[in-house]
C-alpha atoms as a PDB file:
ATOM      1  CA  MET A   1      -4.806  -0.368  10.919  1.00  0.00           C
ATOM      2  CA  ASP A   2      -6.351  -2.515  13.627  1.00  0.00           C
ATOM      3  CA  THR A   3      -4.499  -3.544  16.779  1.00  0.00           C
ATOM      4  CA  GLY A   4      -3.881  -7.114  15.616  1.00  0.00           C
ATOM      5  CA  THR A   5      -2.227  -5.992  12.394  1.00  0.00           C
ATOM      6  CA  HIS A   6      -0.032  -3.497  14.223  1.00  0.00           C
ATOM      7  CA  ILE A   7       1.083  -6.285  16.570  1.00  0.00           C
ATOM      8  CA  VAL A   8       2.099  -8.686  13.795  1.00  0.00           C
ATOM      9  CA  MET A   9       3.843  -5.809  12.014  1.00  0.00           C
ATOM     10  CA  GLY A  10       5.829  -5.171  15.188  1.00  0.00           C
ATOM     11  CA  PHE A  11       7.027  -8.762  15.327  1.00  0.00           C
ATOM     12  CA  ALA A  12       7.783  -8.613  11.587  1.00  0.00           C
ATOM     13  CA  LEU A  13      10.058  -5.627  12.199  1.00  0.00           C
ATOM     14  CA  GLY A  14      11.734  -7.645  14.929  1.00  0.00           C
ATOM     15  CA  GLY A  15      12.445 -10.258  12.269  1.00  0.00           C
ATOM     16  CA  LEU A  16      13.776  -7.664   9.835  1.00  0.00           C
ATOM     17  CA  SER A  17      16.022  -6.217  12.522  1.00  0.00           C
ATOM     18  CA  THR A  18      18.035  -9.448  12.564  1.00  0.00           C
ATOM     19  CA  LEU A  19      19.568  -8.274   9.281  1.00  0.00           C
ATOM     20  CA  ASP A  20      21.196  -5.425  11.233  1.00  0.00           C
ATOM     21  CA  PRO A  21      24.663  -6.728  12.263  1.00  0.00           C
ATOM     22  CA  ALA A  22      24.548  -4.772  15.525  1.00  0.00           C
ATOM     23  CA  VAL A  23      21.312  -6.540  16.437  1.00  0.00           C
ATOM     24  CA  ALA A  24      22.172 -10.005  15.159  1.00  0.00           C
ATOM     25  CA  ALA A  25      25.555 -10.111  16.942  1.00  0.00           C
ATOM     26  CA  ASP A  26      24.283  -9.144  20.394  1.00  0.00           C
ATOM     27  CA  PRO A  27      21.524 -11.129  22.175  1.00  0.00           C
ATOM     28  CA  ALA A  28      20.813  -8.254  24.566  1.00  0.00           C
ATOM     29  CA  THR A  29      20.298  -5.805  21.722  1.00  0.00           C
ATOM     30  CA  LYS A  30      18.213  -8.341  19.801  1.00  0.00           C
ATOM     31  CA  TYR A  31      15.858  -8.829  22.756  1.00  0.00           C
ATOM     32  CA  ALA A  32      15.670  -5.084  23.459  1.00  0.00           C
ATOM     33  CA  VAL A  33      14.915  -4.283  19.818  1.00  0.00           C
ATOM     34  CA  LEU A  34      12.209  -6.962  19.553  1.00  0.00           C
ATOM     35  CA  THR A  35      10.559  -5.568  22.679  1.00  0.00           C
ATOM     36  CA  ALA A  36      10.891  -2.008  21.403  1.00  0.00           C
ATOM     37  CA  VAL A  37       9.424  -2.604  17.944  1.00  0.00           C
ATOM     38  CA  VAL A  38       6.399  -4.428  19.332  1.00  0.00           C
ATOM     39  CA  ILE A  39       5.735  -1.583  21.777  1.00  0.00           C
ATOM     40  CA  GLY A  40       6.540   1.063  19.183  1.00  0.00           C
ATOM     41  CA  SER A  41       4.145  -0.475  16.701  1.00  0.00           C
ATOM     42  CA  GLN A  42       1.315   0.032  19.216  1.00  0.00           C
ATOM     43  CA  VAL A  43       2.058   3.183  21.168  1.00  0.00           C
ATOM     44  CA  PRO A  44       0.610   5.845  18.802  1.00  0.00           C
ATOM     45  CA  ASP A  45      -2.826   4.318  19.428  1.00  0.00           C
ATOM     46  CA  ILE A  46      -2.582   5.137  23.121  1.00  0.00           C
ATOM     47  CA  ASP A  47      -5.145   7.847  22.386  1.00  0.00           C
ATOM     48  CA  THR A  48      -7.765   5.078  22.233  1.00  0.00           C
ATOM     49  CA  ILE A  49      -8.016   5.616  25.987  1.00  0.00           C
ATOM     50  CA  LEU A  50      -9.967   8.781  25.163  1.00  0.00           C
ATOM     51  CA  LYS A  51     -12.979   6.555  24.546  1.00  0.00           C
ATOM     52  CA  LEU A  52     -13.237   6.311  28.309  1.00  0.00           C
ATOM     53  CA  ARG A  53     -14.126  10.006  28.422  1.00  0.00           C
ATOM     54  CA  ASN A  54     -16.662  10.222  25.595  1.00  0.00           C
ATOM     55  CA  ASN A  55     -17.044   9.711  21.872  1.00  0.00           C
ATOM     56  CA  ALA A  56     -16.739  13.412  21.088  1.00  0.00           C
ATOM     57  CA  VAL A  57     -13.262  13.688  22.596  1.00  0.00           C
ATOM     58  CA  TYR A  58     -12.186  10.426  20.961  1.00  0.00           C
ATOM     59  CA  ILE A  59     -13.449  11.403  17.493  1.00  0.00           C
ATOM     60  CA  ARG A  60     -11.783  14.805  17.669  1.00  0.00           C
ATOM     61  CA  ASN A  61      -8.408  13.501  18.805  1.00  0.00           C
ATOM     62  CA  HIS A  62      -7.907   9.896  17.624  1.00  0.00           C
ATOM     63  CA  ARG A  63      -4.924   9.639  15.252  1.00  0.00           C
ATOM     64  CA  GLY A  64      -4.237  13.318  15.811  1.00  0.00           C
ATOM     65  CA  ALA A  65      -1.501  14.501  18.160  1.00  0.00           C
ATOM     66  CA  THR A  66      -0.285  10.980  18.987  1.00  0.00           C
ATOM     67  CA  HIS A  67       0.385  10.370  15.273  1.00  0.00           C
ATOM     68  CA  SER A  68       2.124  13.699  14.638  1.00  0.00           C
ATOM     69  CA  ILE A  69       5.783  14.252  13.753  1.00  0.00           C
ATOM     70  CA  PRO A  70       6.766  15.457  17.266  1.00  0.00           C
ATOM     71  CA  ALA A  71       4.933  12.496  18.819  1.00  0.00           C
ATOM     72  CA  MET A  72       6.716   9.994  16.587  1.00  0.00           C
ATOM     73  CA  ILE A  73      10.062  11.380  17.738  1.00  0.00           C
ATOM     74  CA  LEU A  74       8.990  11.544  21.377  1.00  0.00           C
ATOM     75  CA  TRP A  75       7.611   7.976  21.441  1.00  0.00           C
ATOM     76  CA  SER A  76      10.840   6.521  20.067  1.00  0.00           C
ATOM     77  CA  ILE A  77      12.977   8.439  22.570  1.00  0.00           C
ATOM     78  CA  LEU A  78      10.794   7.457  25.539  1.00  0.00           C
ATOM     79  CA  ILE A  79      10.646   3.776  24.613  1.00  0.00           C
ATOM     80  CA  THR A  80      14.393   3.670  23.980  1.00  0.00           C
ATOM     81  CA  ALA A  81      15.157   5.413  27.274  1.00  0.00           C
ATOM     82  CA  VAL A  82      12.991   3.058  29.329  1.00  0.00           C
ATOM     83  CA  LEU A  83      14.310  -0.124  27.705  1.00  0.00           C
ATOM     84  CA  TYR A  84      17.917   1.066  27.854  1.00  0.00           C
ATOM     85  CA  PHE A  85      17.471   1.767  31.568  1.00  0.00           C
ATOM     86  CA  PHE A  86      16.548  -1.887  32.109  1.00  0.00           C
ATOM     87  CA  MET A  87      18.954  -3.267  29.476  1.00  0.00           C
ATOM     88  CA  PRO A  88      22.020  -0.978  29.495  1.00  0.00           C
ATOM     89  CA  GLU A  89      24.116  -3.642  27.769  1.00  0.00           C
ATOM     90  CA  SER A  90      22.111  -3.169  24.542  1.00  0.00           C
ATOM     91  CA  ASN A  91      23.255  -0.944  21.681  1.00  0.00           C
ATOM     92  CA  VAL A  92      21.341   2.260  22.360  1.00  0.00           C
ATOM     93  CA  LEU A  93      21.783   3.748  18.878  1.00  0.00           C
ATOM     94  CA  HIS A  94      20.381   0.726  17.063  1.00  0.00           C
ATOM     95  CA  LEU A  95      17.700   0.305  19.726  1.00  0.00           C
ATOM     96  CA  TRP A  96      16.513   3.854  19.028  1.00  0.00           C
ATOM     97  CA  LEU A  97      16.773   3.409  15.252  1.00  0.00           C
ATOM     98  CA  TRP A  98      14.498   0.350  15.145  1.00  0.00           C
ATOM     99  CA  THR A  99      12.093   1.897  17.631  1.00  0.00           C
ATOM    100  CA  GLN A 100      11.805   4.957  15.424  1.00  0.00           C
ATOM    101  CA  ILE A 101      11.134   2.745  12.406  1.00  0.00           C
ATOM    102  CA  ALA A 102       8.368   0.899  14.280  1.00  0.00           C
ATOM    103  CA  VAL A 103       6.608   4.072  15.430  1.00  0.00           C
ATOM    104  CA  SER A 104       6.904   5.695  12.003  1.00  0.00           C
ATOM    105  CA  LEU A 105       5.641   2.581  10.238  1.00  0.00           C
ATOM    106  CA  HIS A 106       2.544   2.557  12.450  1.00  0.00           C
ATOM    107  CA  VAL A 107       1.683   6.116  11.417  1.00  0.00           C
ATOM    108  CA  PHE A 108       2.631   5.483   7.779  1.00  0.00           C
ATOM    109  CA  VAL A 109       0.326   2.489   7.294  1.00  0.00           C
ATOM    110  CA  ASP A 110      -2.560   4.330   8.990  1.00  0.00           C
ATOM    111  CA  ILE A 111      -2.384   6.943   6.228  1.00  0.00           C
ATOM    112  CA  PHE A 112      -3.656   4.366   3.737  1.00  0.00           C
ATOM    113  CA  ASN A 113      -6.932   3.824   5.649  1.00  0.00           C
ATOM    114  CA  ALA A 114     -10.097   5.835   5.048  1.00  0.00           C
ATOM    115  CA  TYR A 115      -9.851   7.331   8.563  1.00  0.00           C
ATOM    116  CA  GLY A 116      -6.287   8.606   8.040  1.00  0.00           C
ATOM    117  CA  THR A 117      -4.080  10.576  10.414  1.00  0.00           C
ATOM    118  CA  GLN A 118      -2.825  14.089  11.083  1.00  0.00           C
ATOM    119  CA  ALA A 119       0.711  12.879  10.414  1.00  0.00           C
ATOM    120  CA  LEU A 120       1.967  16.298   9.246  1.00  0.00           C
ATOM    121  CA  ARG A 121       1.212  18.134  12.479  1.00  0.00           C
ATOM    122  CA  PRO A 122       2.427  20.694  13.499  1.00  0.00           C
ATOM    123  CA  PHE A 123       3.070  21.796   9.896  1.00  0.00           C
ATOM    124  CA  SER A 124      -0.475  20.983   8.787  1.00  0.00           C
ATOM    125  CA  SER A 125      -3.632  19.887  10.583  1.00  0.00           C
ATOM    126  CA  LYS A 126      -4.995  18.296   7.402  1.00  0.00           C
ATOM    127  CA  TRP A 127      -6.152  14.697   7.670  1.00  0.00           C
ATOM    128  CA  ILE A 128      -4.242  12.425   5.294  1.00  0.00           C
ATOM    129  CA  ALA A 129      -6.478   9.513   4.343  1.00  0.00           C
ATOM    130  CA  LEU A 130      -5.692   7.719   1.079  1.00  0.00           C
ATOM    131  CA  GLY A 131      -8.515   5.196   1.470  1.00  0.00           C
ATOM    132  CA  VAL A 132      -6.976   2.194  -0.294  1.00  0.00           C
ATOM    133  CA  ILE A 133      -6.586  -0.247   2.629  1.00  0.00           C
ATOM    134  CA  ASN A 134      -9.346  -1.253   5.046  1.00  0.00           C
ATOM    135  CA  THR A 135      -8.643  -0.844   8.771  1.00  0.00           C
ATOM    136  CA  PHE A 136      -8.425  -4.628   8.887  1.00  0.00           C
ATOM    137  CA  ASP A 137      -7.120  -6.121   5.665  1.00  0.00           C
ATOM    138  CA  PRO A 138      -7.246  -9.942   5.677  1.00  0.00           C
ATOM    139  CA  PHE A 139      -4.415 -10.289   3.159  1.00  0.00           C
ATOM    140  CA  ILE A 140      -2.017  -7.999   5.039  1.00  0.00           C
ATOM    141  CA  PHE A 141      -2.738  -9.690   8.362  1.00  0.00           C
ATOM    142  CA  SER A 142      -2.541 -13.195   6.921  1.00  0.00           C
ATOM    143  CA  ILE A 143       0.754 -12.711   5.094  1.00  0.00           C
ATOM    144  CA  HIS A 144       2.329 -11.445   8.321  1.00  0.00           C
ATOM    145  CA  VAL A 145       1.046 -14.524  10.152  1.00  0.00           C
ATOM    146  CA  VAL A 146       2.550 -16.706   7.406  1.00  0.00           C
ATOM    147  CA  GLY A 147       5.878 -14.929   7.822  1.00  0.00           C
ATOM    148  CA  LEU A 148       5.845 -15.351  11.587  1.00  0.00           C
ATOM    149  CA  SER A 149       4.977 -19.031  11.163  1.00  0.00           C
ATOM    150  CA  LEU A 150       7.896 -19.526   8.782  1.00  0.00           C
ATOM    151  CA  TRP A 151      10.151 -17.814  11.318  1.00  0.00           C
ATOM    152  CA  GLY A 152       8.825 -20.160  13.975  1.00  0.00           C
ATOM    153  CA  VAL A 153       9.762 -23.280  11.977  1.00  0.00           C
ATOM    154  CA  GLY A 154      13.279 -22.080  11.267  1.00  0.00           C
ATOM    155  CA  PHE A 155      13.257 -19.798   8.224  1.00  0.00           C
ATOM    156  CA  ASN A 156      15.560 -16.758   8.340  1.00  0.00           C
ATOM    157  CA  PRO A 157      13.268 -13.982   9.626  1.00  0.00           C
ATOM    158  CA  GLY A 158      15.141 -11.141   7.948  1.00  0.00           C
ATOM    159  CA  TYR A 159      14.998 -12.540   4.426  1.00  0.00           C
ATOM    160  CA  THR A 160      11.495 -13.918   4.978  1.00  0.00           C
ATOM    161  CA  PHE A 161      10.083 -10.505   5.786  1.00  0.00           C
ATOM    162  CA  ILE A 162      12.017  -8.794   3.008  1.00  0.00           C
ATOM    163  CA  VAL A 163      10.155 -11.044   0.572  1.00  0.00           C
ATOM    164  CA  ILE A 164       6.845 -10.436   2.342  1.00  0.00           C
ATOM    165  CA  TYR A 165       7.268  -6.664   2.302  1.00  0.00           C
ATOM    166  CA  LEU A 166       8.161  -6.705  -1.390  1.00  0.00           C
ATOM    167  CA  ILE A 167       4.908  -8.595  -1.977  1.00  0.00           C
ATOM    168  CA  LEU A 168       3.051  -6.014   0.121  1.00  0.00           C
ATOM    169  CA  ILE A 169       4.484  -3.144  -1.925  1.00  0.00           C
ATOM    170  CA  GLY A 170       2.973  -4.803  -4.991  1.00  0.00           C
ATOM    171  CA  TYR A 171      -0.303  -5.284  -3.130  1.00  0.00           C
ATOM    172  CA  TYR A 172      -0.498  -1.588  -2.221  1.00  0.00           C
ATOM    173  CA  ILE A 173       0.177  -0.625  -5.846  1.00  0.00           C
ATOM    174  CA  LEU A 174      -2.646  -2.944  -6.926  1.00  0.00           C
ATOM    175  CA  ARG A 175      -5.028  -1.352  -4.432  1.00  0.00           C
ATOM    176  CA  PHE A 176      -4.230   2.125  -5.790  1.00  0.00           C
ATOM    177  CA  GLN A 177      -4.939   0.867  -9.312  1.00  0.00           C
ATOM    178  CA  MET A 178      -8.250  -0.619  -8.190  1.00  0.00           C
ATOM    179  CA  GLN A 179      -9.255   2.608  -6.459  1.00  0.00           C
ATOM    180  CA  GLY A 180      -8.272   4.581  -9.570  1.00  0.00           C
ATOM    181  CA  ALA A 181     -10.507   2.397 -11.732  1.00  0.00           C
ATOM    182  CA  ILE A 182     -13.433   3.021  -9.360  1.00  0.00           C
ATOM    183  CA  ARG A 183     -12.745   6.774  -9.372  1.00  0.00           C
ATOM    184  CA  ASN A 184     -12.756   6.848 -13.179  1.00  0.00           C
ATOM    185  CA  ALA A 185     -16.054   4.952 -13.207  1.00  0.00           C
ATOM    186  CA  VAL A 186     -17.568   7.488 -10.791  1.00  0.00           C
ATOM    187  CA  HIS A 187     -16.572  10.424 -12.997  1.00  0.00           C
ATOM    188  CA  ARG A 188     -18.076   8.704 -16.040  1.00  0.00           C
ATOM    189  CA  LEU A 189     -21.323   8.107 -14.148  1.00  0.00           C
ATOM    190  CA  ILE A 190     -21.435  11.518 -12.378  1.00  0.00           C
ATOM    191  CA  PRO A 191     -19.583  13.998 -14.639  1.00  0.00           C
ATOM    192  CA  ASP A 192     -20.170  17.015 -12.370  1.00  0.00           C
ATOM    193  CA  ALA A 193     -18.640  15.356  -9.292  1.00  0.00           C
ATOM    194  CA  GLU A 194     -16.731  17.918  -7.216  1.00  0.00           C
ATOM    195  CA  GLU A 195     -15.398  15.515  -4.613  1.00  0.00           C
ATOM    196  CA  VAL A 196     -15.265  11.727  -4.616  1.00  0.00           C
ATOM    197  CA  ILE A 197     -14.611   9.853  -1.364  1.00  0.00           C
ATOM    198  CA  ILE A 198     -13.774   6.183  -1.882  1.00  0.00           C
ATOM    199  CA  ALA A 199     -13.347   3.883   1.091  1.00  0.00           C
ATOM    200  CA  PRO A 200     -12.321   0.218   1.062  1.00  0.00           C
ATOM    201  CA  THR A 201     -14.211  -2.530   2.853  1.00  0.00           C
ATOM    202  CA  ILE A 202     -13.076  -5.841   4.269  1.00  0.00           C
ATOM    203  CA  ARG A 203     -14.101  -7.398   0.943  1.00  0.00           C
ATOM    204  CA  PHE A 204     -11.329  -7.153  -1.640  1.00  0.00           C
ATOM    205  CA  ASN A 205     -13.449  -5.911  -4.576  1.00  0.00           C
ATOM    206  CA  LEU A 206     -16.069  -3.878  -2.688  1.00  0.00           C
ATOM    207  CA  TRP A 207     -15.777  -0.107  -2.076  1.00  0.00           C
ATOM    208  CA  ARG A 208     -17.975   2.497  -0.378  1.00  0.00           C
ATOM    209  CA  ILE A 209     -18.377   5.753  -2.287  1.00  0.00           C
ATOM    210  CA  ALA A 210     -19.703   9.210  -1.379  1.00  0.00           C
ATOM    211  CA  VAL A 211     -19.840  11.947  -4.006  1.00  0.00           C
ATOM    212  CA  LYS A 212     -20.414  15.691  -3.805  1.00  0.00           C
ATOM    213  CA  THR A 213     -21.771  17.620  -6.774  1.00  0.00           C
ATOM    214  CA  PRO A 214     -22.851  21.292  -6.784  1.00  0.00           C
ATOM    215  CA  THR A 215     -26.452  20.250  -6.124  1.00  0.00           C
ATOM    216  CA  HIS A 216     -26.514  16.724  -4.694  1.00  0.00           C
ATOM    217  CA  PHE A 217     -24.843  14.054  -2.595  1.00  0.00           C
ATOM    218  CA  TYR A 218     -24.596  10.572  -4.067  1.00  0.00           C
ATOM    219  CA  VAL A 219     -23.985   7.375  -2.141  1.00  0.00           C
ATOM    220  CA  ALA A 220     -22.730   4.492  -4.250  1.00  0.00           C
ATOM    221  CA  ARG A 221     -21.121   1.082  -4.170  1.00  0.00           C
ATOM    222  CA  GLY A 222     -18.117   0.108  -6.243  1.00  0.00           C
ATOM    223  CA  TYR A 223     -17.507  -3.494  -7.228  1.00  0.00           C
ATOM    224  CA  ARG A 224     -14.512  -4.395  -9.361  1.00  0.00           C
ATOM    225  CA  ARG A 225     -14.615  -1.643 -12.006  1.00  0.00           C
ATOM    226  CA  SER A 226     -18.331  -0.831 -11.858  1.00  0.00           C
ATOM    227  CA  VAL A 227     -20.256   1.680  -9.747  1.00  0.00           C
ATOM    228  CA  THR A 228     -23.887   1.515  -8.631  1.00  0.00           C
ATOM    229  CA  ILE A 229     -25.688   4.552  -7.186  1.00  0.00           C
ATOM    230  CA  LEU A 230     -27.592   3.589  -4.051  1.00  0.00           C
ATOM    231  CA  ASP A 231     -28.936   6.912  -2.731  1.00  0.00           C
ATOM    232  CA  LYS A 232     -29.185  10.511  -3.913  1.00  0.00           C
ATOM    233  CA  TYR A 233     -29.822  13.511  -1.648  1.00  0.00           C
ATOM    234  CA  LYS A 234     -30.316  17.148  -2.460  1.00  0.00           C
ATOM    235  CA  ARG A 235     -27.458  19.208  -1.068  1.00  0.00           C
ATOM    236  CA  VAL A 236     -29.044  21.612   1.426  1.00  0.00           C
ATOM    237  CA  PRO A 237     -26.865  24.061   3.403  1.00  0.00           C
ATOM    238  CA  ILE A 238     -27.149  24.099   7.191  1.00  0.00           C
ATOM    239  CA  PRO A 239     -29.667  26.853   8.016  1.00  0.00           C
ATOM    240  CA  ASP A 240     -28.413  29.934   9.795  1.00  0.00           C
ATOM    241  CA  SER A 241     -31.242  29.752  12.308  1.00  0.00           C
ATOM    242  CA  PRO A 242     -31.369  30.027  16.121  1.00  0.00           C
ATOM    243  CA  LEU A 243     -32.067  26.280  16.339  1.00  0.00           C
ATOM    244  CA  PHE A 244     -28.972  25.278  14.400  1.00  0.00           C
ATOM    245  CA  GLN A 245     -26.800  27.955  15.990  1.00  0.00           C
ATOM    246  CA  ALA A 246     -27.710  26.487  19.365  1.00  0.00           C
ATOM    247  CA  ALA A 247     -27.184  22.903  18.193  1.00  0.00           C
ATOM    248  CA  LYS A 248     -23.693  23.712  16.924  1.00  0.00           C
ATOM    249  CA  GLN A 249     -22.663  24.588  20.456  1.00  0.00           C
ATOM    250  CA  ASP A 250     -22.956  20.920  21.436  1.00  0.00           C
ATOM    251  CA  ARG A 251     -19.633  19.095  21.771  1.00  0.00           C
ATOM    252  CA  ASN A 252     -20.922  15.929  20.085  1.00  0.00           C
ATOM    253  CA  LEU A 253     -22.127  17.740  16.986  1.00  0.00           C
ATOM    254  CA  ASP A 254     -18.972  19.841  16.924  1.00  0.00           C
ATOM    255  CA  ALA A 255     -16.860  16.666  16.922  1.00  0.00           C
ATOM    256  CA  PHE A 256     -19.007  15.146  14.163  1.00  0.00           C
ATOM    257  CA  LEU A 257     -18.632  18.220  11.929  1.00  0.00           C
ATOM    258  CA  HIS A 258     -14.888  18.206  12.595  1.00  0.00           C
ATOM    259  CA  PHE A 259     -14.655  14.585  11.456  1.00  0.00           C
ATOM    260  CA  SER A 260     -17.224  14.174   8.687  1.00  0.00           C
ATOM    261  CA  PRO A 261     -16.680  15.747   5.235  1.00  0.00           C
ATOM    262  CA  VAL A 262     -19.978  14.611   3.673  1.00  0.00           C
ATOM    263  CA  TYR A 263     -23.294  14.456   5.523  1.00  0.00           C
ATOM    264  CA  ARG A 264     -26.951  15.372   5.388  1.00  0.00           C
ATOM    265  CA  TRP A 265     -29.127  16.713   8.170  1.00  0.00           C
ATOM    266  CA  GLU A 266     -32.754  16.479   9.259  1.00  0.00           C
ATOM    267  CA  VAL A 267     -34.935  17.974  11.981  1.00  0.00           C
ATOM    268  CA  ALA A 268     -37.748  16.365  13.952  1.00  0.00           C
ATOM    269  CA  GLU A 269     -40.132  18.505  16.023  1.00  0.00           C
ATOM    270  CA  TYR A 270     -41.904  17.048  19.059  1.00  0.00           C
ATOM    271  CA  ASP A 271     -44.284  18.589  21.608  1.00  0.00           C
ATOM    272  CA  ASP A 272     -41.470  19.223  24.092  1.00  0.00           C
ATOM    273  CA  CYS A 273     -38.268  19.356  22.027  1.00  0.00           C
ATOM    274  CA  TYR A 274     -36.515  19.600  18.697  1.00  0.00           C
ATOM    275  CA  GLU A 275     -34.160  16.922  17.451  1.00  0.00           C
ATOM    276  CA  VAL A 276     -31.392  17.783  14.991  1.00  0.00           C
ATOM    277  CA  LYS A 277     -29.723  14.808  13.343  1.00  0.00           C
ATOM    278  CA  PHE A 278     -26.611  14.761  11.157  1.00  0.00           C
ATOM    279  CA  ILE A 279     -25.865  11.625   9.138  1.00  0.00           C
ATOM    280  CA  ASP A 280     -22.451  10.738   7.705  1.00  0.00           C
ATOM    281  CA  LEU A 281     -22.941   9.417   4.166  1.00  0.00           C
ATOM    282  CA  ARG A 282     -19.657   7.493   3.907  1.00  0.00           C
ATOM    283  CA  TYR A 283     -20.617   4.387   5.878  1.00  0.00           C
ATOM    284  CA  ARG A 284     -23.831   3.043   4.360  1.00  0.00           C
ATOM    285  CA  ASN A 285     -24.322  -0.550   5.495  1.00  0.00           C
ATOM    286  CA  ASN A 286     -27.305  -2.655   4.409  1.00  0.00           C
ATOM    287  CA  GLY A 287     -29.318   0.478   3.702  1.00  0.00           C
ATOM    288  CA  TYR A 288     -28.503   2.071   7.063  1.00  0.00           C
ATOM    289  CA  TYR A 289     -26.177   4.970   7.913  1.00  0.00           C
ATOM    290  CA  PRO A 290     -24.678   4.103  11.301  1.00  0.00           C
ATOM    291  CA  PHE A 291     -22.448   7.115  12.021  1.00  0.00           C
ATOM    292  CA  VAL A 292     -24.553  10.009  13.294  1.00  0.00           C
ATOM    293  CA  ALA A 293     -24.717  13.012  15.587  1.00  0.00           C
ATOM    294  CA  VAL A 294     -27.985  13.891  17.314  1.00  0.00           C
ATOM    295  CA  VAL A 295     -28.720  16.999  19.376  1.00  0.00           C
ATOM    296  CA  GLN A 296     -31.959  17.447  21.304  1.00  0.00           C
ATOM    297  CA  LEU A 297     -33.054  20.941  22.326  1.00  0.00           C
ATOM    298  CA  ASP A 298     -36.033  22.113  24.326  1.00  0.00           C
ATOM    299  CA  LEU A 299     -38.477  24.685  22.950  1.00  0.00           C
ATOM    300  CA  ASP A 300     -36.171  27.485  24.169  1.00  0.00           C
ATOM    301  CA  TYR A 301     -33.244  25.987  22.205  1.00  0.00           C
ATOM    302  CA  GLN A 302     -31.455  24.746  25.301  1.00  0.00           C
ATOM    303  CA  ILE A 303     -29.574  21.484  24.749  1.00  0.00           C
ATOM    304  CA  VAL A 304     -31.111  18.640  26.750  1.00  0.00           C
ATOM    305  CA  GLY A 305     -29.403  15.613  25.175  1.00  0.00           C
ATOM    306  CA  SER A 306     -26.921  14.627  22.487  1.00  0.00           C
ATOM    307  CA  TYR A 307     -24.887  11.766  21.101  1.00  0.00           C
ATOM    308  CA  THR A 308     -22.373  11.045  18.361  1.00  0.00           C
ATOM    309  CA  GLY A 309     -20.975   7.704  17.279  1.00  0.00           C
ATOM    310  CA  TRP A 310     -21.883   4.414  15.641  1.00  0.00           C
ATOM    311  CA  ILE A 311     -25.496   3.330  16.036  1.00  0.00           C
ATOM    312  CA  PHE A 312     -27.055   0.440  14.117  1.00  0.00           C
ATOM    313  CA  SER A 313     -30.669   0.788  15.193  1.00  0.00           C
ATOM    314  CA  GLU A 314     -33.079   3.510  16.279  1.00  0.00           C
ATOM    315  CA  GLU A 315     -33.725   1.640  19.530  1.00  0.00           C
ATOM    316  CA  LYS A 316     -30.046   1.783  20.506  1.00  0.00           C
ATOM    317  CA  LEU A 317     -29.899   5.471  19.618  1.00  0.00           C
ATOM    318  CA  ARG A 318     -32.765   6.191  22.010  1.00  0.00           C
ATOM    319  CA  LYS A 319     -30.924   4.364  24.782  1.00  0.00           C
ATOM    320  CA  LYS A 320     -27.844   6.531  24.215  1.00  0.00           C
ATOM    321  CA  LEU A 321     -29.710   9.820  24.390  1.00  0.00           C
ATOM    322  CA  GLU A 322     -30.309  11.414  27.774  1.00  0.00           C
ATOM    323  CA  PHE A 323     -33.687  12.878  26.818  1.00  0.00           C
ATOM    324  CA  VAL A 324     -36.681  10.945  25.455  1.00  0.00           C
ATOM    325  CA  PRO A 325     -39.131  13.051  23.418  1.00  0.00           C
ATOM    326  CA  GLY A 326     -42.574  13.187  25.025  1.00  0.00           C
ATOM    327  CA  SER A 327     -41.291  12.232  28.470  1.00  0.00           C
ATOM    328  CA  HIS A 328     -41.539  15.744  29.856  1.00  0.00           C
END
């Protein structure tokens, strides 16, 4: 989920914690727990700092180790230890318990996004991405804001958020049903589909769809229970050629291939370089595919420039690349 939603979820857990007698009866514990759950609801995303290095490192590691089982345990222990050091009068057991809930909830809700997490590390490095909730879901964010507002005007926060979370359980069930209806429509439209990737959007009834068949990739849009095919590409394996072998050595392309399960590729040849471009087919937006990896190689297959990330125009892509074809 996005940062804002994780923040309001942290405060919501603070409200729920007031139902714990050990928290409700002790002001010091109540304050420590509220502080802990807000921090705990954010801390797994500390790996966002990797953006400061480069996109390749960020793409390879975001929601990886920091969202793993050992990390969830470690975060809760560290947060509890620091807060208990400053507030030794608080109940350390209940402080740790609510901190652990906050950290675990952060990782749990991220599983429902299309990006997913490696929440089962170290037992499995598989990405778990259920793809039923958008990274920012207006309903989820808004209902938390409503709950916090009710708390602010005097409603019991514990019972308020119990009701809200029961509503949210129903909402998640509805989203799974909606995704299932879209998946069934895809299989009716494309009977030989081997893999169907369905991703939510910020719009309640709109879904992005990428489909693999033995021979083609399909890009489609789902709306309510109907599916419309937008693009179709022949499925062409990556050539085992010196050019592509060299391109695969680039860290940006390596990160892209690690992250993207469905893509197409193309090659452009200039007087002074080759340009290999990989295009993720999951994020079509207004006819454009913004998530790409580009590797530029000279005529001896030496890498001279590369980039991976979100680009919404060819002009911006050229600004990101270190090498401009025809400039040498």
